[in-house]
Structure formats: structure tokens, C-alpha cells
Amino acid sequence: MSWKKSPDPEWFGTDELVGICSTLFSLHTNGVLQSTKMRKTLLSLLAESGRINFPKLHDTDFANGMDEKIRIACQQYRELKRDPKKYLR
């Protein structure tokens, strides 16, 4: 998964990703949030709800990686919404 790859239907079909993206798009219609706010929210979620960082990464590195992945997913959703041909593929 990267900025230059095409959207992967298996990845977009997961319930977790659908839940995250629909929540973000309900907060902001374009799904774009400030990176600093997203990282701060992820770090507070790590502190409150226990362990969701299962890789052996530091919490800040984990939050940075998750922030980037969420941003990529939202960008790919926006791309599919704009281009019906890509959506049909």
C-alpha cells in the first residue's frame, strides 16, 4: 500500500477500514484531517484503551505509520468516488 498504487478491493472490503473511513468522512466530508491531530488521537487511544500496537515499534512510530495508512486509504476512497471507471475496475 502506497500513494502510487491503485486501490485494492480486498483491503477496502475489511470492516475495520470501512468503519474508520466512514467515521472520518462523517467528521469531514473530504476525509482530510490534520496529521498532527490524527497522531495525537492515535497516541491517546494507545494510552487509554490498552495495547493496539502489536508490532515492535515505539508508539510514536506506530502512530506515524497508522496516520499515513489512514491518509492513503482516504485518498484512494476519494479517487474511487471521483472516477467511476476506477470504481468499476
N, C-alpha and C. Protein backbone atom coordinates (compact mmCIF):
# COMPACT_ATOMS: atom_id res chain seq x y z
N MET A 1 0.84 -1.16 0.00
CA MET A 1 0.00 0.00 0.00
C MET A 1 0.89 1.24 0.00
N SER A 2 0.67 2.08 -1.00
CA SER A 2 1.42 3.33 -1.06
C SER A 2 0.58 4.35 -1.81
N TRP A 3 1.11 5.56 -1.91
CA TRP A 3 0.37 6.63 -2.57
C TRP A 3 0.19 6.36 -4.05
N LYS A 4 1.10 5.62 -4.66
CA LYS A 4 1.06 5.45 -6.11
C LYS A 4 0.36 4.17 -6.55
N LYS A 5 0.01 3.31 -5.64
CA LYS A 5 -0.66 2.06 -6.01
C LYS A 5 -2.15 2.29 -6.22
N SER A 6 -2.74 1.44 -7.03
CA SER A 6 -4.19 1.52 -7.25
C SER A 6 -4.91 0.91 -6.04
N PRO A 7 -6.15 1.29 -5.82
CA PRO A 7 -6.91 0.76 -4.68
C PRO A 7 -7.07 -0.76 -4.76
N ASP A 8 -6.91 -1.41 -3.63
CA ASP A 8 -7.02 -2.86 -3.53
C ASP A 8 -8.39 -3.23 -2.96
N PRO A 9 -9.24 -3.94 -3.73
CA PRO A 9 -10.59 -4.24 -3.25
C PRO A 9 -10.61 -5.12 -2.00
N GLU A 10 -9.65 -6.02 -1.85
CA GLU A 10 -9.62 -6.86 -0.65
C GLU A 10 -9.36 -6.02 0.60
N TRP A 11 -8.49 -5.05 0.46
CA TRP A 11 -8.15 -4.19 1.59
C TRP A 11 -9.31 -3.26 1.92
N PHE A 12 -9.98 -2.74 0.89
CA PHE A 12 -11.09 -1.82 1.13
C PHE A 12 -12.33 -2.53 1.67
N GLY A 13 -12.41 -3.84 1.50
CA GLY A 13 -13.59 -4.57 1.96
C GLY A 13 -13.59 -4.92 3.43
N THR A 14 -12.49 -4.70 4.13
CA THR A 14 -12.43 -5.06 5.54
C THR A 14 -13.32 -4.15 6.37
N ASP A 15 -13.97 -4.73 7.36
CA ASP A 15 -14.91 -3.97 8.20
C ASP A 15 -14.21 -2.86 8.98
N GLU A 16 -13.00 -3.12 9.42
CA GLU A 16 -12.28 -2.12 10.21
C GLU A 16 -12.00 -0.87 9.38
N LEU A 17 -11.55 -1.07 8.15
CA LEU A 17 -11.22 0.07 7.29
C LEU A 17 -12.48 0.83 6.90
N VAL A 18 -13.55 0.11 6.64
CA VAL A 18 -14.82 0.76 6.31
C VAL A 18 -15.29 1.61 7.49
N GLY A 19 -15.17 1.08 8.69
CA GLY A 19 -15.58 1.82 9.89
C GLY A 19 -14.76 3.07 10.11
N ILE A 20 -13.43 2.95 9.95
CA ILE A 20 -12.56 4.11 10.13
C ILE A 20 -12.86 5.19 9.10
N CYS A 21 -12.94 4.78 7.83
CA CYS A 21 -13.17 5.76 6.77
C CYS A 21 -14.55 6.40 6.86
N SER A 22 -15.58 5.63 7.18
CA SER A 22 -16.92 6.23 7.28
C SER A 22 -16.99 7.19 8.47
N THR A 23 -16.28 6.89 9.55
CA THR A 23 -16.23 7.83 10.68
C THR A 23 -15.51 9.11 10.29
N LEU A 24 -14.37 8.97 9.59
CA LEU A 24 -13.62 10.16 9.17
C LEU A 24 -14.42 11.01 8.19
N PHE A 25 -15.11 10.35 7.26
CA PHE A 25 -15.90 11.11 6.28
C PHE A 25 -17.14 11.72 6.91
N SER A 26 -17.60 11.18 8.04
CA SER A 26 -18.71 11.84 8.73
C SER A 26 -18.22 13.07 9.49
N LEU A 27 -16.96 13.04 9.94
CA LEU A 27 -16.38 14.21 10.61
C LEU A 27 -16.04 15.32 9.62
N HIS A 28 -15.40 14.93 8.53
CA HIS A 28 -15.01 15.86 7.47
C HIS A 28 -15.45 15.25 6.14
N THR A 29 -16.17 16.01 5.35
CA THR A 29 -16.74 15.46 4.12
C THR A 29 -15.67 14.99 3.14
N ASN A 30 -14.49 15.59 3.18
CA ASN A 30 -13.43 15.15 2.27
C ASN A 30 -12.50 14.13 2.91
N GLY A 31 -12.65 13.86 4.20
CA GLY A 31 -11.84 12.85 4.86
C GLY A 31 -10.42 13.28 5.16
N VAL A 32 -10.13 14.55 5.07
CA VAL A 32 -8.78 15.04 5.32
C VAL A 32 -8.72 15.67 6.70
N LEU A 33 -7.89 15.11 7.54
CA LEU A 33 -7.66 15.66 8.87
C LEU A 33 -6.20 16.05 8.99
N GLN A 34 -5.91 16.96 9.91
CA GLN A 34 -4.53 17.36 10.12
C GLN A 34 -3.74 16.17 10.67
N SER A 35 -2.56 16.01 10.16
CA SER A 35 -1.72 14.89 10.57
C SER A 35 -1.39 14.95 12.05
N THR A 36 -1.16 16.14 12.57
CA THR A 36 -0.82 16.26 13.99
C THR A 36 -2.00 15.83 14.87
N LYS A 37 -3.21 16.20 14.47
CA LYS A 37 -4.38 15.80 15.25
C LYS A 37 -4.60 14.29 15.18
N MET A 38 -4.38 13.71 14.01
CA MET A 38 -4.55 12.28 13.85
C MET A 38 -3.55 11.52 14.72
N ARG A 39 -2.29 11.94 14.70
CA ARG A 39 -1.28 11.27 15.51
C ARG A 39 -1.56 11.43 17.00
N LYS A 40 -1.99 12.62 17.40
CA LYS A 40 -2.31 12.87 18.81
C LYS A 40 -3.47 11.98 19.25
N THR A 41 -4.47 11.84 18.39
CA THR A 41 -5.61 10.98 18.70
C THR A 41 -5.19 9.52 18.81
N LEU A 42 -4.34 9.07 17.90
CA LEU A 42 -3.87 7.68 17.95
C LEU A 42 -3.05 7.42 19.21
N LEU A 43 -2.22 8.37 19.60
CA LEU A 43 -1.42 8.20 20.81
C LEU A 43 -2.30 8.17 22.06
N SER A 44 -3.34 9.01 22.09
CA SER A 44 -4.24 8.98 23.25
C SER A 44 -5.06 7.69 23.27
N LEU A 45 -5.40 7.17 22.09
CA LEU A 45 -6.10 5.89 22.02
C LEU A 45 -5.21 4.77 22.53
N LEU A 46 -3.93 4.82 22.20
CA LEU A 46 -2.98 3.82 22.72
C LEU A 46 -2.89 3.89 24.24
N ALA A 47 -2.91 5.10 24.79
CA ALA A 47 -2.78 5.27 26.23
C ALA A 47 -4.05 4.84 26.96
N GLU A 48 -5.22 5.09 26.38
CA GLU A 48 -6.49 4.81 27.05
C GLU A 48 -6.93 3.36 26.94
N SER A 49 -6.93 2.82 25.75
CA SER A 49 -7.59 1.54 25.53
C SER A 49 -6.66 0.34 25.58
N GLY A 50 -5.49 0.52 26.04
CA GLY A 50 -4.59 -0.62 26.14
C GLY A 50 -3.74 -0.76 24.90
N ARG A 51 -3.35 -1.97 24.64
CA ARG A 51 -2.37 -2.22 23.61
C ARG A 51 -3.02 -2.50 22.27
N ILE A 52 -2.83 -1.61 21.29
CA ILE A 52 -3.22 -1.90 19.91
C ILE A 52 -1.98 -1.90 19.02
N ASN A 53 -0.85 -1.56 19.60
CA ASN A 53 0.42 -1.53 18.89
C ASN A 53 1.12 -2.87 19.08
N PHE A 54 0.79 -3.85 18.25
CA PHE A 54 1.36 -5.18 18.40
C PHE A 54 2.73 -5.35 17.74
N PRO A 55 3.05 -4.60 16.67
CA PRO A 55 4.43 -4.69 16.17
C PRO A 55 5.40 -4.13 17.19
N LYS A 56 6.65 -4.43 17.02
CA LYS A 56 7.66 -3.97 17.98
C LYS A 56 8.14 -2.57 17.61
N LEU A 57 7.22 -1.66 17.51
CA LEU A 57 7.54 -0.27 17.21
C LEU A 57 7.27 0.60 18.43
N HIS A 58 7.96 1.71 18.49
CA HIS A 58 7.66 2.70 19.51
C HIS A 58 6.29 3.28 19.19
N ASP A 59 5.58 3.75 20.21
CA ASP A 59 4.22 4.24 20.00
C ASP A 59 4.15 5.39 19.00
N THR A 60 5.13 6.29 19.02
CA THR A 60 5.10 7.41 18.07
C THR A 60 5.32 6.93 16.64
N ASP A 61 6.20 5.95 16.46
CA ASP A 61 6.42 5.39 15.13
C ASP A 61 5.17 4.67 14.64
N PHE A 62 4.50 3.95 15.53
CA PHE A 62 3.26 3.27 15.19
C PHE A 62 2.19 4.29 14.78
N ALA A 63 2.06 5.38 15.54
CA ALA A 63 1.06 6.42 15.23
C ALA A 63 1.37 7.08 13.89
N ASN A 64 2.64 7.33 13.60
CA ASN A 64 3.02 7.91 12.31
C ASN A 64 2.66 6.99 11.15
N GLY A 65 2.94 5.70 11.30
CA GLY A 65 2.63 4.74 10.26
C GLY A 65 1.13 4.59 10.04
N MET A 66 0.38 4.52 11.13
CA MET A 66 -1.08 4.41 11.02
C MET A 66 -1.68 5.67 10.40
N ASP A 67 -1.15 6.82 10.76
CA ASP A 67 -1.62 8.08 10.18
C ASP A 67 -1.44 8.06 8.67
N GLU A 68 -0.28 7.61 8.22
CA GLU A 68 -0.02 7.55 6.78
C GLU A 68 -0.95 6.56 6.09
N LYS A 69 -1.16 5.40 6.69
CA LYS A 69 -2.04 4.39 6.09
C LYS A 69 -3.48 4.88 6.01
N ILE A 70 -3.95 5.56 7.03
CA ILE A 70 -5.31 6.11 7.02
C ILE A 70 -5.44 7.18 5.96
N ARG A 71 -4.41 8.02 5.83
CA ARG A 71 -4.43 9.06 4.80
C ARG A 71 -4.46 8.45 3.40
N ILE A 72 -3.68 7.39 3.18
CA ILE A 72 -3.66 6.71 1.88
C ILE A 72 -5.03 6.12 1.59
N ALA A 73 -5.64 5.48 2.58
CA ALA A 73 -6.96 4.87 2.38
C ALA A 73 -8.00 5.93 2.03
N CYS A 74 -8.00 7.05 2.73
CA CYS A 74 -8.97 8.11 2.44
C CYS A 74 -8.73 8.70 1.05
N GLN A 75 -7.47 8.85 0.67
CA GLN A 75 -7.17 9.37 -0.66
C GLN A 75 -7.65 8.41 -1.74
N GLN A 76 -7.49 7.12 -1.52
CA GLN A 76 -7.94 6.15 -2.51
C GLN A 76 -9.47 6.10 -2.58
N TYR A 77 -10.15 6.25 -1.45
CA TYR A 77 -11.61 6.34 -1.46
C TYR A 77 -12.06 7.55 -2.27
N ARG A 78 -11.40 8.70 -2.05
CA ARG A 78 -11.77 9.90 -2.81
C ARG A 78 -11.53 9.70 -4.30
N GLU A 79 -10.44 9.02 -4.63
CA GLU A 79 -10.11 8.75 -6.03
C GLU A 79 -11.18 7.86 -6.68
N LEU A 80 -11.63 6.85 -5.96
CA LEU A 80 -12.68 5.97 -6.49
C LEU A 80 -14.00 6.70 -6.64
N LYS A 81 -14.28 7.60 -5.74
CA LYS A 81 -15.53 8.36 -5.81
C LYS A 81 -15.54 9.31 -7.00
N ARG A 82 -14.38 9.88 -7.32
CA ARG A 82 -14.28 10.81 -8.44
C ARG A 82 -14.33 10.13 -9.79
N ASP A 83 -13.74 8.94 -9.90
CA ASP A 83 -13.59 8.29 -11.19
C ASP A 83 -14.39 6.99 -11.24
N PRO A 84 -15.55 6.99 -11.92
CA PRO A 84 -16.39 5.78 -11.96
C PRO A 84 -15.71 4.60 -12.65
N LYS A 85 -14.81 4.85 -13.60
CA LYS A 85 -14.11 3.75 -14.29
C LYS A 85 -13.22 2.99 -13.32
N LYS A 86 -12.51 3.72 -12.47
CA LYS A 86 -11.66 3.07 -11.47
C LYS A 86 -12.52 2.28 -10.46
N TYR A 87 -13.68 2.82 -10.14
CA TYR A 87 -14.57 2.13 -9.21
C TYR A 87 -15.05 0.81 -9.80
N LEU A 88 -15.38 0.80 -11.08
CA LEU A 88 -15.85 -0.43 -11.73
C LEU A 88 -14.74 -1.47 -11.85
N ARG A 89 -13.51 -1.03 -12.02
CA ARG A 89 -12.39 -1.98 -12.10
C ARG A 89 -12.23 -2.71 -10.80
